[in-house]
Structure formats: structure tokens, C-alpha cells
Amino acid sequence: MQRLYKHEWDKFKESYRLPFLIGMVLTMVFGVVAYYMLLSNPDVVDAYMAAIQQQMERIDLSEEDFGTFTAAWGIMSNNIRVALLTVVLGIVPILIVPYFIPVSTILSISVLSAYYQNVGDNLGELLLKGILPHGITELIAIFLAAAIGFHFSLITFKKLFTEERKSIHWFRAVKECFLSFVLVVFPLLVLSGLIEGYITPAIMGM
């Protein structure tokens, strides 16, 4: 097991680190810009909040579920599906496609932040108690999934369109991408789901 994770760390430094860091920084900047734009557009915020509420209904979660296994499982399984889709999108040889989901995630945080600010609630409390506890591991997992998807997309692009195609072992690269998902992204999302399902509601007094 130690050897597997040593290999994953080397793989991160070689293939994932740059798209992970660049994607995270650019997406965070987008989130901040979106937040300030949303502050002056409350109708847009309300529309996005309605969409977020519909998403919660789709994964069959209500406020009463938080603090229970139902919430932890619902959040966990939804996040794992989303992160897996982020990696799978790497099959499309367009490098920005895997970043659609991280951008959507950050936009949701921007919407929630703008909503809390507009209604006069304590935004700092939301960020520190409602998002930060599970958000650290969850965002790391989502951005890592995007970086893996980016690498997958790059390999696919090279295999299809460059003269390097003969030297690229595409199926081996796909196997390595999904191994990275299973060994790193999946455990981070399980941890995030447990924190969001149990710990975050307790901190927020739900």
C-alpha cells in the first residue's frame, strides 16, 4: 500500500500538479468575481438558489436528514458520481471540459455566499462553519479529479492528433487515471461526506 501511494505522489508531481494548481487558482478567482457580480443581481441569486434546492431534492435530502447516515450517504454518493464524471469527461480531447464541474461547484459557493450577504446573515459563519469543515477535503478532491481528467484528455488528444500516438499506451494511461481516482479522490470524498453529513450540521446547530 505504501508503494502504491508513493507511486501516486510521484504521479501527482509529474502529471497532475500543474493542472491542479492552475485550475484551482483560476476557478477560485472566477468564484470571487462571480460573488461580487451576484451581489448586485439578487434575481439571479434567487434563480440559482432554486436550482440548488432542486439538486438537493434530486438526491433526496431534507434539512431534517442532516446529522444522520442518510445525509452522509446522499452527499457522499452524489459527490463521488460527480467527481467520477469529471474524470470520465477526460475522454473528450478538449482540455477544459473536465473543469466544468469544479467551476459549477465554486459557482454554487459564490451563489450561497451572495445569498447570505444579501439577506443579512453572517457570511463569515457560513464560510467558517458551514463550508470550511468539509470544503477543504471536498474541493481538493474535485480539483484533483479535474486534474486527472485534464491529464486523461491530454493523453487522448495526443493519441488521436499527434505523432506521439504510437508511443502512447492509452489503455495503460486510462488505468492509471482511474487508479488515482480510487486511491486518492474516492477516500477524500468519503471523508468529506462524513464531515458534511455529521460534523458540519453539529457545528451549525442543525
N, C-alpha and C. Protein backbone atom coordinates (compact mmCIF):
# COMPACT_ATOMS: atom_id res chain seq x y z
N MET A 1 0.82 -1.21 0.00
CA MET A 1 0.00 0.00 0.00
C MET A 1 0.86 1.26 0.00
N GLN A 2 1.92 1.23 0.82
CA GLN A 2 2.82 2.39 0.87
C GLN A 2 3.44 2.66 -0.50
N ARG A 3 3.77 1.57 -1.20
CA ARG A 3 4.36 1.73 -2.53
C ARG A 3 3.37 2.34 -3.52
N LEU A 4 2.10 1.92 -3.39
CA LEU A 4 1.06 2.46 -4.26
C LEU A 4 0.93 3.96 -4.08
N TYR A 5 0.91 4.41 -2.82
CA TYR A 5 0.75 5.84 -2.56
C TYR A 5 2.01 6.63 -2.91
N LYS A 6 3.15 5.99 -2.79
CA LYS A 6 4.39 6.64 -3.24
C LYS A 6 4.32 6.87 -4.76
N HIS A 7 3.82 5.86 -5.47
CA HIS A 7 3.65 6.00 -6.92
C HIS A 7 2.65 7.12 -7.24
N GLU A 8 1.55 7.20 -6.46
CA GLU A 8 0.55 8.24 -6.69
C GLU A 8 1.14 9.63 -6.46
N TRP A 9 1.97 9.76 -5.44
CA TRP A 9 2.60 11.06 -5.16
C TRP A 9 3.52 11.46 -6.32
N ASP A 10 4.28 10.48 -6.82
CA ASP A 10 5.16 10.76 -7.97
C ASP A 10 4.32 11.12 -9.19
N LYS A 11 3.21 10.43 -9.37
CA LYS A 11 2.31 10.71 -10.49
C LYS A 11 1.72 12.11 -10.37
N PHE A 12 1.37 12.50 -9.15
CA PHE A 12 0.83 13.85 -8.93
C PHE A 12 1.86 14.90 -9.33
N LYS A 13 3.09 14.73 -8.87
CA LYS A 13 4.13 15.72 -9.16
C LYS A 13 4.44 15.78 -10.66
N GLU A 14 4.36 14.63 -11.33
CA GLU A 14 4.72 14.57 -12.74
C GLU A 14 3.59 15.05 -13.66
N SER A 15 2.34 14.64 -13.35
CA SER A 15 1.25 14.83 -14.31
C SER A 15 0.09 15.69 -13.83
N TYR A 16 -0.19 15.69 -12.52
CA TYR A 16 -1.40 16.34 -12.03
C TYR A 16 -1.17 17.69 -11.37
N ARG A 17 0.02 17.92 -10.85
CA ARG A 17 0.23 19.10 -10.01
C ARG A 17 -0.05 20.41 -10.74
N LEU A 18 0.48 20.57 -11.94
CA LEU A 18 0.30 21.84 -12.67
C LEU A 18 -1.18 22.09 -13.00
N PRO A 19 -1.90 21.14 -13.63
CA PRO A 19 -3.32 21.40 -13.90
C PRO A 19 -4.15 21.54 -12.62
N PHE A 20 -3.74 20.88 -11.54
CA PHE A 20 -4.41 21.01 -10.25
C PHE A 20 -4.29 22.44 -9.74
N LEU A 21 -3.07 22.97 -9.70
CA LEU A 21 -2.83 24.30 -9.14
C LEU A 21 -3.41 25.40 -10.03
N ILE A 22 -3.16 25.32 -11.34
CA ILE A 22 -3.68 26.34 -12.25
C ILE A 22 -5.20 26.33 -12.25
N GLY A 23 -5.79 25.13 -12.32
CA GLY A 23 -7.25 25.03 -12.30
C GLY A 23 -7.85 25.58 -11.03
N MET A 24 -7.22 25.27 -9.90
CA MET A 24 -7.73 25.74 -8.62
C MET A 24 -7.67 27.27 -8.52
N VAL A 25 -6.53 27.84 -8.87
CA VAL A 25 -6.35 29.29 -8.76
C VAL A 25 -7.32 30.03 -9.69
N LEU A 26 -7.40 29.62 -10.95
CA LEU A 26 -8.27 30.30 -11.90
C LEU A 26 -9.75 30.17 -11.51
N THR A 27 -10.12 28.98 -11.03
CA THR A 27 -11.51 28.77 -10.64
C THR A 27 -11.87 29.58 -9.40
N MET A 28 -10.94 29.67 -8.46
CA MET A 28 -11.18 30.48 -7.26
C MET A 28 -11.33 31.96 -7.62
N VAL A 29 -10.49 32.43 -8.54
CA VAL A 29 -10.61 33.82 -9.00
C VAL A 29 -11.98 34.03 -9.64
N PHE A 30 -12.38 33.08 -10.47
CA PHE A 30 -13.72 33.15 -11.08
C PHE A 30 -14.81 33.21 -10.00
N GLY A 31 -14.65 32.41 -8.94
CA GLY A 31 -15.64 32.39 -7.87
C GLY A 31 -15.76 33.73 -7.17
N VAL A 32 -14.63 34.38 -6.91
CA VAL A 32 -14.65 35.69 -6.25
C VAL A 32 -15.31 36.73 -7.15
N VAL A 33 -14.94 36.73 -8.43
CA VAL A 33 -15.55 37.68 -9.39
C VAL A 33 -17.05 37.44 -9.48
N ALA A 34 -17.45 36.17 -9.56
CA ALA A 34 -18.87 35.82 -9.65
C ALA A 34 -19.63 36.29 -8.41
N TYR A 35 -19.01 36.14 -7.23
CA TYR A 35 -19.64 36.58 -5.98
C TYR A 35 -19.98 38.06 -6.02
N TYR A 36 -19.01 38.89 -6.42
CA TYR A 36 -19.24 40.33 -6.44
C TYR A 36 -20.25 40.74 -7.52
N MET A 37 -20.27 40.01 -8.61
CA MET A 37 -21.27 40.29 -9.65
C MET A 37 -22.67 39.89 -9.17
N LEU A 38 -22.75 38.78 -8.45
CA LEU A 38 -24.04 38.29 -7.97
C LEU A 38 -24.64 39.19 -6.89
N LEU A 39 -23.79 39.87 -6.14
CA LEU A 39 -24.29 40.75 -5.08
C LEU A 39 -25.26 41.81 -5.62
N SER A 40 -25.01 42.25 -6.84
CA SER A 40 -25.86 43.29 -7.44
C SER A 40 -26.94 42.71 -8.35
N ASN A 41 -27.10 41.38 -8.32
CA ASN A 41 -28.12 40.72 -9.13
C ASN A 41 -28.90 39.72 -8.29
N PRO A 42 -29.71 40.20 -7.34
CA PRO A 42 -30.42 39.28 -6.44
C PRO A 42 -31.39 38.34 -7.15
N ASP A 43 -31.94 38.76 -8.28
CA ASP A 43 -32.84 37.87 -9.01
C ASP A 43 -32.11 36.65 -9.55
N VAL A 44 -30.90 36.87 -10.01
CA VAL A 44 -30.07 35.76 -10.50
C VAL A 44 -29.73 34.82 -9.35
N VAL A 45 -29.41 35.41 -8.19
CA VAL A 45 -29.10 34.61 -7.00
C VAL A 45 -30.29 33.75 -6.61
N ASP A 46 -31.49 34.33 -6.62
CA ASP A 46 -32.69 33.57 -6.27
C ASP A 46 -32.91 32.41 -7.24
N ALA A 47 -32.66 32.66 -8.52
CA ALA A 47 -32.83 31.60 -9.52
C ALA A 47 -31.84 30.46 -9.29
N TYR A 48 -30.58 30.82 -8.98
CA TYR A 48 -29.58 29.80 -8.71
C TYR A 48 -29.90 29.05 -7.41
N MET A 49 -30.39 29.76 -6.40
CA MET A 49 -30.76 29.10 -5.15
C MET A 49 -31.88 28.09 -5.38
N ALA A 50 -32.81 28.42 -6.24
CA ALA A 50 -33.89 27.48 -6.58
C ALA A 50 -33.32 26.24 -7.25
N ALA A 51 -32.31 26.44 -8.11
CA ALA A 51 -31.67 25.31 -8.79
C ALA A 51 -30.93 24.43 -7.80
N ILE A 52 -30.26 25.07 -6.82
CA ILE A 52 -29.55 24.31 -5.78
C ILE A 52 -30.53 23.50 -4.94
N GLN A 53 -31.68 24.11 -4.62
CA GLN A 53 -32.71 23.41 -3.87
C GLN A 53 -33.23 22.20 -4.65
N GLN A 54 -33.40 22.36 -5.94
CA GLN A 54 -33.85 21.23 -6.78
C GLN A 54 -32.82 20.11 -6.80
N GLN A 55 -31.54 20.49 -6.77
CA GLN A 55 -30.49 19.48 -6.74
C GLN A 55 -30.56 18.70 -5.43
N MET A 56 -30.79 19.39 -4.32
CA MET A 56 -30.93 18.72 -3.03
C MET A 56 -32.10 17.76 -3.06
N GLU A 57 -33.18 18.17 -3.70
CA GLU A 57 -34.36 17.30 -3.80
C GLU A 57 -34.07 16.07 -4.66
N ARG A 58 -33.23 16.26 -5.70
CA ARG A 58 -32.91 15.14 -6.58
C ARG A 58 -32.13 14.06 -5.85
N ILE A 59 -31.27 14.47 -4.90
CA ILE A 59 -30.54 13.46 -4.13
C ILE A 59 -31.28 13.10 -2.85
N ASP A 60 -32.56 13.58 -2.79
CA ASP A 60 -33.50 13.15 -1.74
C ASP A 60 -33.00 13.49 -0.34
N LEU A 61 -32.59 14.75 -0.16
CA LEU A 61 -32.14 15.21 1.15
C LEU A 61 -32.99 16.38 1.62
N SER A 62 -33.38 16.34 2.89
CA SER A 62 -34.06 17.46 3.52
C SER A 62 -33.23 17.93 4.70
N GLU A 63 -33.57 19.08 5.24
CA GLU A 63 -32.81 19.62 6.37
C GLU A 63 -32.82 18.67 7.56
N GLU A 64 -33.93 17.92 7.72
CA GLU A 64 -34.05 17.00 8.85
C GLU A 64 -33.07 15.83 8.75
N ASP A 65 -32.61 15.54 7.53
CA ASP A 65 -31.70 14.40 7.33
C ASP A 65 -30.29 14.69 7.81
N PHE A 66 -29.91 15.96 7.89
CA PHE A 66 -28.54 16.29 8.26
C PHE A 66 -28.25 15.86 9.69
N GLY A 67 -27.06 15.29 9.86
CA GLY A 67 -26.71 14.71 11.15
C GLY A 67 -27.01 13.23 11.21
N THR A 68 -27.45 12.64 10.08
CA THR A 68 -27.77 11.22 10.02
C THR A 68 -26.98 10.55 8.91
N PHE A 69 -27.00 9.22 8.91
CA PHE A 69 -26.32 8.47 7.85
C PHE A 69 -26.95 8.77 6.50
N THR A 70 -28.25 9.04 6.47
CA THR A 70 -28.94 9.35 5.21
C THR A 70 -28.27 10.52 4.51
N ALA A 71 -27.98 11.58 5.28
CA ALA A 71 -27.33 12.76 4.71
C ALA A 71 -25.91 12.44 4.27
N ALA A 72 -25.16 11.76 5.13
CA ALA A 72 -23.77 11.43 4.80
C ALA A 72 -23.70 10.59 3.53
N TRP A 73 -24.57 9.57 3.44
CA TRP A 73 -24.57 8.70 2.26
C TRP A 73 -25.01 9.46 1.01
N GLY A 74 -26.06 10.27 1.12
CA GLY A 74 -26.55 11.03 -0.03
C GLY A 74 -25.50 11.98 -0.57
N ILE A 75 -24.84 12.70 0.32
CA ILE A 75 -23.80 13.66 -0.08
C ILE A 75 -22.60 12.92 -0.68
N MET A 76 -22.19 11.87 0.02
CA MET A 76 -21.03 11.10 -0.41
C MET A 76 -21.22 10.49 -1.79
N SER A 77 -22.35 9.82 -1.99
CA SER A 77 -22.59 9.15 -3.27
C SER A 77 -22.73 10.17 -4.40
N ASN A 78 -23.38 11.30 -4.13
CA ASN A 78 -23.52 12.34 -5.15
C ASN A 78 -22.15 12.91 -5.54
N ASN A 79 -21.32 13.22 -4.55
CA ASN A 79 -20.01 13.80 -4.83
C ASN A 79 -19.10 12.81 -5.58
N ILE A 80 -19.20 11.53 -5.23
CA ILE A 80 -18.39 10.52 -5.91
C ILE A 80 -18.81 10.41 -7.37
N ARG A 81 -20.12 10.41 -7.62
CA ARG A 81 -20.60 10.36 -9.01
C ARG A 81 -20.12 11.56 -9.81
N VAL A 82 -20.21 12.74 -9.20
CA VAL A 82 -19.80 13.97 -9.88
C VAL A 82 -18.29 13.95 -10.18
N ALA A 83 -17.49 13.54 -9.19
CA ALA A 83 -16.04 13.50 -9.39
C ALA A 83 -15.65 12.46 -10.43
N LEU A 84 -16.34 11.32 -10.42
CA LEU A 84 -16.06 10.29 -11.41
C LEU A 84 -16.40 10.79 -12.82
N LEU A 85 -17.52 11.51 -12.93
CA LEU A 85 -17.88 12.11 -14.22
C LEU A 85 -16.80 13.09 -14.68
N THR A 86 -16.23 13.84 -13.74
CA THR A 86 -15.17 14.79 -14.06
C THR A 86 -13.98 14.09 -14.70
N VAL A 87 -13.62 12.92 -14.15
CA VAL A 87 -12.52 12.15 -14.73
C VAL A 87 -12.92 11.57 -16.09
N VAL A 88 -14.11 11.00 -16.17
CA VAL A 88 -14.58 10.37 -17.40
C VAL A 88 -14.64 11.38 -18.55
N LEU A 89 -14.94 12.65 -18.22
CA LEU A 89 -15.01 13.68 -19.26
C LEU A 89 -13.66 13.87 -19.97
N GLY A 90 -12.61 13.33 -19.36
CA GLY A 90 -11.30 13.39 -19.99
C GLY A 90 -11.22 12.62 -21.29
N ILE A 91 -12.19 11.77 -21.56
CA ILE A 91 -12.21 11.04 -22.83
C ILE A 91 -12.47 12.00 -24.00
N VAL A 92 -13.01 13.17 -23.69
CA VAL A 92 -13.20 14.22 -24.71
C VAL A 92 -11.88 14.96 -24.87
N PRO A 93 -11.29 14.99 -26.05
CA PRO A 93 -9.97 15.61 -26.21
C PRO A 93 -10.01 17.13 -26.27
N ILE A 94 -10.77 17.73 -25.36
CA ILE A 94 -10.82 19.18 -25.21
C ILE A 94 -10.45 19.47 -23.77
N LEU A 95 -9.30 20.08 -23.55
CA LEU A 95 -8.66 20.08 -22.23
C LEU A 95 -9.46 20.78 -21.14
N ILE A 96 -10.32 21.73 -21.50
CA ILE A 96 -11.04 22.47 -20.46
C ILE A 96 -12.29 21.75 -19.97
N VAL A 97 -12.74 20.72 -20.69
CA VAL A 97 -14.01 20.07 -20.34
C VAL A 97 -14.04 19.54 -18.91
N PRO A 98 -12.98 18.88 -18.40
CA PRO A 98 -13.04 18.37 -17.02
C PRO A 98 -13.20 19.46 -15.95
N TYR A 99 -12.98 20.72 -16.32
CA TYR A 99 -13.09 21.80 -15.33
C TYR A 99 -14.50 22.37 -15.22
N PHE A 100 -15.43 21.90 -16.06
CA PHE A 100 -16.80 22.40 -15.98
C PHE A 100 -17.41 22.16 -14.59
N ILE A 101 -17.17 20.99 -14.03
CA ILE A 101 -17.78 20.64 -12.74
C ILE A 101 -17.14 21.42 -11.59
N PRO A 102 -15.80 21.55 -11.50
CA PRO A 102 -15.24 22.41 -10.45
C PRO A 102 -15.74 23.86 -10.53
N VAL A 103 -15.87 24.38 -11.76
CA VAL A 103 -16.40 25.74 -11.92
C VAL A 103 -17.82 25.82 -11.39
N SER A 104 -18.63 24.80 -11.69
CA SER A 104 -20.00 24.76 -11.20
C SER A 104 -20.04 24.69 -9.67
N THR A 105 -19.12 23.92 -9.08
CA THR A 105 -19.05 23.80 -7.61
C THR A 105 -18.72 25.14 -6.97
N ILE A 106 -17.71 25.81 -7.51
CA ILE A 106 -17.31 27.11 -6.97
C ILE A 106 -18.41 28.14 -7.17
N LEU A 107 -19.10 28.07 -8.30
CA LEU A 107 -20.21 28.99 -8.55
C LEU A 107 -21.32 28.79 -7.51
N SER A 108 -21.57 27.56 -7.11
CA SER A 108 -22.57 27.29 -6.07
C SER A 108 -22.19 27.96 -4.75
N ILE A 109 -20.89 27.91 -4.41
CA ILE A 109 -20.42 28.57 -3.19
C ILE A 109 -20.59 30.08 -3.32
N SER A 110 -20.30 30.62 -4.50
CA SER A 110 -20.47 32.07 -4.73
C SER A 110 -21.94 32.47 -4.58
N VAL A 111 -22.84 31.64 -5.10
CA VAL A 111 -24.27 31.92 -5.00
C VAL A 111 -24.72 31.90 -3.54
N LEU A 112 -24.33 30.87 -2.80
CA LEU A 112 -24.68 30.78 -1.38
C LEU A 112 -24.14 31.98 -0.61
N SER A 113 -22.91 32.36 -0.91
CA SER A 113 -22.29 33.50 -0.22
C SER A 113 -23.03 34.79 -0.53
N ALA A 114 -23.37 35.00 -1.79
CA ALA A 114 -24.10 36.21 -2.18
C ALA A 114 -25.50 36.23 -1.55
N TYR A 115 -26.13 35.07 -1.50
CA TYR A 115 -27.47 34.98 -0.89
C TYR A 115 -27.41 35.35 0.59
N TYR A 116 -26.47 34.77 1.32
CA TYR A 116 -26.33 35.07 2.75
C TYR A 116 -26.03 36.55 2.97
N GLN A 117 -25.17 37.11 2.12
CA GLN A 117 -24.83 38.52 2.26
C GLN A 117 -26.03 39.40 1.98
N ASN A 118 -26.81 39.05 0.95
CA ASN A 118 -27.97 39.87 0.56
C ASN A 118 -29.08 39.85 1.59
N VAL A 119 -29.26 38.71 2.27
CA VAL A 119 -30.33 38.62 3.28
C VAL A 119 -29.87 39.07 4.66
N GLY A 120 -28.60 39.44 4.77
CA GLY A 120 -28.09 39.99 6.02
C GLY A 120 -27.63 38.97 7.03
N ASP A 121 -27.50 37.70 6.61
CA ASP A 121 -26.99 36.68 7.52
C ASP A 121 -25.47 36.79 7.64
N ASN A 122 -24.93 36.04 8.59
CA ASN A 122 -23.49 36.11 8.87
C ASN A 122 -22.73 35.27 7.85
N LEU A 123 -22.13 35.93 6.86
CA LEU A 123 -21.41 35.23 5.81
C LEU A 123 -20.17 34.52 6.37
N GLY A 124 -19.49 35.16 7.30
CA GLY A 124 -18.30 34.56 7.90
C GLY A 124 -18.62 33.24 8.59
N GLU A 125 -19.76 33.21 9.27
CA GLU A 125 -20.18 31.98 9.94
C GLU A 125 -20.47 30.88 8.94
N LEU A 126 -21.12 31.24 7.82
CA LEU A 126 -21.39 30.25 6.77
C LEU A 126 -20.09 29.66 6.26
N LEU A 127 -19.12 30.51 5.96
CA LEU A 127 -17.87 30.03 5.38
C LEU A 127 -17.07 29.20 6.37
N LEU A 128 -16.97 29.69 7.62
CA LEU A 128 -16.14 29.01 8.61
C LEU A 128 -16.78 27.75 9.17
N LYS A 129 -18.09 27.78 9.36
CA LYS A 129 -18.77 26.64 9.99
C LYS A 129 -19.50 25.75 8.98
N GLY A 130 -20.05 26.37 7.94
CA GLY A 130 -20.89 25.60 7.02
C GLY A 130 -20.17 25.03 5.81
N ILE A 131 -19.04 25.64 5.44
CA ILE A 131 -18.35 25.20 4.22
C ILE A 131 -16.95 24.68 4.50
N LEU A 132 -16.19 25.40 5.32
CA LEU A 132 -14.78 25.07 5.54
C LEU A 132 -14.55 23.65 6.08
N PRO A 133 -15.32 23.16 7.07
CA PRO A 133 -15.01 21.84 7.64
C PRO A 133 -14.94 20.72 6.61
N HIS A 134 -15.92 20.66 5.73
CA HIS A 134 -15.89 19.60 4.71
C HIS A 134 -15.34 20.11 3.38
N GLY A 135 -15.33 21.44 3.21
CA GLY A 135 -14.96 22.02 1.92
C GLY A 135 -13.51 21.80 1.55
N ILE A 136 -12.62 21.77 2.55
CA ILE A 136 -11.20 21.62 2.25
C ILE A 136 -10.94 20.31 1.52
N THR A 137 -11.38 19.20 2.13
CA THR A 137 -11.13 17.89 1.50
C THR A 137 -11.95 17.72 0.22
N GLU A 138 -13.18 18.26 0.23
CA GLU A 138 -14.04 18.10 -0.95
C GLU A 138 -13.48 18.85 -2.15
N LEU A 139 -13.03 20.09 -1.94
CA LEU A 139 -12.50 20.86 -3.07
C LEU A 139 -11.18 20.29 -3.57
N ILE A 140 -10.33 19.82 -2.64
CA ILE A 140 -9.09 19.16 -3.07
C ILE A 140 -9.43 17.97 -3.97
N ALA A 141 -10.43 17.18 -3.54
CA ALA A 141 -10.82 16.00 -4.32
C ALA A 141 -11.37 16.40 -5.69
N ILE A 142 -12.23 17.43 -5.73
CA ILE A 142 -12.83 17.85 -7.00
C ILE A 142 -11.78 18.40 -7.96
N PHE A 143 -10.86 19.22 -7.43
CA PHE A 143 -9.82 19.78 -8.30
C PHE A 143 -8.82 18.71 -8.74
N LEU A 144 -8.56 17.74 -7.87
CA LEU A 144 -7.69 16.64 -8.27
C LEU A 144 -8.36 15.79 -9.35
N ALA A 145 -9.67 15.55 -9.19
CA ALA A 145 -10.41 14.82 -10.22
C ALA A 145 -10.33 15.56 -11.56
N ALA A 146 -10.44 16.89 -11.51
CA ALA A 146 -10.33 17.69 -12.74
C ALA A 146 -8.93 17.59 -13.34
N ALA A 147 -7.91 17.59 -12.49
CA ALA A 147 -6.53 17.48 -12.98
C ALA A 147 -6.30 16.10 -13.61
N ILE A 148 -6.88 15.06 -13.00
CA ILE A 148 -6.79 13.72 -13.59
C ILE A 148 -7.53 13.69 -14.93
N GLY A 149 -8.71 14.30 -14.96
CA GLY A 149 -9.47 14.39 -16.20
C GLY A 149 -8.72 15.17 -17.27
N PHE A 150 -8.05 16.24 -16.87
CA PHE A 150 -7.23 17.03 -17.80
C PHE A 150 -6.12 16.16 -18.40
N HIS A 151 -5.45 15.40 -17.52
CA HIS A 151 -4.37 14.52 -17.99
C HIS A 151 -4.91 13.46 -18.94
N PHE A 152 -6.05 12.89 -18.59
CA PHE A 152 -6.73 11.90 -19.44
C PHE A 152 -7.05 12.52 -20.80
N SER A 153 -7.57 13.74 -20.79
CA SER A 153 -7.92 14.45 -22.02
C SER A 153 -6.68 14.73 -22.87
N LEU A 154 -5.59 15.11 -22.21
CA LEU A 154 -4.33 15.39 -22.91
C LEU A 154 -3.79 14.13 -23.58
N ILE A 155 -3.83 13.02 -22.85
CA ILE A 155 -3.38 11.74 -23.41
C ILE A 155 -4.25 11.35 -24.61
N THR A 156 -5.57 11.55 -24.46
CA THR A 156 -6.50 11.23 -25.55
C THR A 156 -6.21 12.10 -26.78
N PHE A 157 -5.98 13.40 -26.53
CA PHE A 157 -5.66 14.33 -27.63
C PHE A 157 -4.39 13.88 -28.36
N LYS A 158 -3.35 13.56 -27.59
CA LYS A 158 -2.08 13.15 -28.19
C LYS A 158 -2.24 11.85 -28.98
N LYS A 159 -3.05 10.94 -28.45
CA LYS A 159 -3.26 9.65 -29.11
C LYS A 159 -3.99 9.83 -30.44
N LEU A 160 -4.89 10.79 -30.49
CA LEU A 160 -5.71 10.98 -31.69
C LEU A 160 -5.06 11.90 -32.73
N PHE A 161 -4.34 12.93 -32.26
CA PHE A 161 -3.98 14.00 -33.18
C PHE A 161 -2.49 14.31 -33.32
N THR A 162 -1.62 13.63 -32.60
CA THR A 162 -0.20 13.98 -32.69
C THR A 162 0.61 12.77 -33.16
N GLU A 163 1.84 13.06 -33.52
CA GLU A 163 2.73 11.99 -33.98
C GLU A 163 3.25 11.13 -32.83
N GLU A 164 2.93 11.53 -31.59
CA GLU A 164 3.32 10.73 -30.44
C GLU A 164 2.41 9.52 -30.24
N ARG A 165 1.37 9.41 -31.07
CA ARG A 165 0.34 8.39 -30.84
C ARG A 165 0.90 6.97 -30.72
N LYS A 166 1.94 6.66 -31.47
CA LYS A 166 2.48 5.30 -31.46
C LYS A 166 3.17 4.95 -30.14
N SER A 167 3.68 5.97 -29.47
CA SER A 167 4.39 5.71 -28.21
C SER A 167 3.49 5.82 -26.98
N ILE A 168 2.23 6.19 -27.19
CA ILE A 168 1.31 6.37 -26.07
C ILE A 168 0.50 5.10 -25.84
N HIS A 169 0.59 4.56 -24.64
CA HIS A 169 -0.19 3.39 -24.26
C HIS A 169 -1.48 3.90 -23.59
N TRP A 170 -2.49 4.12 -24.42
CA TRP A 170 -3.71 4.80 -23.96
C TRP A 170 -4.42 4.04 -22.85
N PHE A 171 -4.57 2.74 -23.01
CA PHE A 171 -5.30 1.96 -22.01
C PHE A 171 -4.55 1.93 -20.67
N ARG A 172 -3.23 1.91 -20.73
CA ARG A 172 -2.44 1.96 -19.50
C ARG A 172 -2.64 3.31 -18.81
N ALA A 173 -2.67 4.37 -19.60
CA ALA A 173 -2.89 5.71 -19.04
C ALA A 173 -4.27 5.81 -18.40
N VAL A 174 -5.28 5.25 -19.06
CA VAL A 174 -6.64 5.25 -18.51
C VAL A 174 -6.67 4.50 -17.18
N LYS A 175 -6.01 3.36 -17.13
CA LYS A 175 -5.95 2.57 -15.90
C LYS A 175 -5.31 3.38 -14.78
N GLU A 176 -4.23 4.08 -15.09
CA GLU A 176 -3.54 4.88 -14.07
C GLU A 176 -4.42 6.02 -13.57
N CYS A 177 -5.18 6.65 -14.48
CA CYS A 177 -6.08 7.73 -14.09
C CYS A 177 -7.15 7.23 -13.12
N PHE A 178 -7.74 6.10 -13.42
CA PHE A 178 -8.80 5.59 -12.56
C PHE A 178 -8.25 5.01 -11.26
N LEU A 179 -7.01 4.52 -11.28
CA LEU A 179 -6.36 4.10 -10.04
C LEU A 179 -6.14 5.31 -9.14
N SER A 180 -5.75 6.43 -9.71
CA SER A 180 -5.58 7.67 -8.93
C SER A 180 -6.91 8.09 -8.31
N PHE A 181 -7.98 7.94 -9.07
CA PHE A 181 -9.31 8.27 -8.54
C PHE A 181 -9.64 7.39 -7.35
N VAL A 182 -9.44 6.10 -7.49
CA VAL A 182 -9.82 5.15 -6.43
C VAL A 182 -8.96 5.35 -5.17
N LEU A 183 -7.67 5.57 -5.36
CA LEU A 183 -6.76 5.64 -4.21
C LEU A 183 -6.77 6.98 -3.50
N VAL A 184 -7.07 8.06 -4.22
CA VAL A 184 -6.95 9.39 -3.61
C VAL A 184 -8.28 10.15 -3.57
N VAL A 185 -8.91 10.31 -4.73
CA VAL A 185 -10.13 11.11 -4.79
C VAL A 185 -11.26 10.45 -4.00
N PHE A 186 -11.45 9.16 -4.21
CA PHE A 186 -12.54 8.44 -3.53
C PHE A 186 -12.45 8.55 -2.00
N PRO A 187 -11.30 8.25 -1.37
CA PRO A 187 -11.23 8.38 0.10
C PRO A 187 -11.47 9.81 0.59
N LEU A 188 -10.98 10.80 -0.16
CA LEU A 188 -11.21 12.20 0.23
C LEU A 188 -12.70 12.54 0.22
N LEU A 189 -13.42 12.02 -0.77
CA LEU A 189 -14.85 12.31 -0.87
C LEU A 189 -15.66 11.55 0.18
N VAL A 190 -15.22 10.36 0.55
CA VAL A 190 -15.87 9.64 1.65
C VAL A 190 -15.71 10.44 2.94
N LEU A 191 -14.49 10.91 3.19
CA LEU A 191 -14.23 11.73 4.38
C LEU A 191 -15.07 13.00 4.35
N SER A 192 -15.14 13.66 3.20
CA SER A 192 -15.92 14.90 3.07
C SER A 192 -17.40 14.64 3.34
N GLY A 193 -17.92 13.54 2.81
CA GLY A 193 -19.33 13.21 3.02
C GLY A 193 -19.65 12.97 4.47
N LEU A 194 -18.77 12.28 5.17
CA LEU A 194 -18.98 12.03 6.60
C LEU A 194 -18.94 13.34 7.40
N ILE A 195 -17.99 14.21 7.05
CA ILE A 195 -17.91 15.51 7.75
C ILE A 195 -19.15 16.35 7.47
N GLU A 196 -19.55 16.42 6.18
CA GLU A 196 -20.70 17.25 5.82
C GLU A 196 -22.00 16.67 6.37
N GLY A 197 -22.08 15.34 6.46
CA GLY A 197 -23.29 14.72 6.95
C GLY A 197 -23.45 14.75 8.44
N TYR A 198 -22.33 14.69 9.18
CA TYR A 198 -22.39 14.60 10.63
C TYR A 198 -21.84 15.83 11.37
N ILE A 199 -20.61 16.24 10.99
CA ILE A 199 -19.90 17.26 11.76
C ILE A 199 -20.39 18.67 11.43
N THR A 200 -20.50 18.99 10.13
CA THR A 200 -20.95 20.32 9.75
C THR A 200 -22.31 20.67 10.34
N PRO A 201 -23.33 19.78 10.28
CA PRO A 201 -24.62 20.10 10.91
C PRO A 201 -24.50 20.35 12.41
N ALA A 202 -23.61 19.59 13.07
CA ALA A 202 -23.44 19.79 14.52
C ALA A 202 -22.83 21.16 14.80
N ILE A 203 -21.87 21.57 13.99
CA ILE A 203 -21.24 22.89 14.16
C ILE A 203 -22.26 24.00 13.90
N MET A 204 -23.10 23.80 12.87
CA MET A 204 -24.10 24.80 12.51
C MET A 204 -25.34 24.77 13.41
N GLY A 205 -25.42 23.76 14.28
CA GLY A 205 -26.58 23.66 15.18
C GLY A 205 -27.84 23.22 14.48
N MET A 206 -27.69 22.40 13.43
CA MET A 206 -28.87 21.96 12.66
C MET A 206 -29.49 20.73 13.32
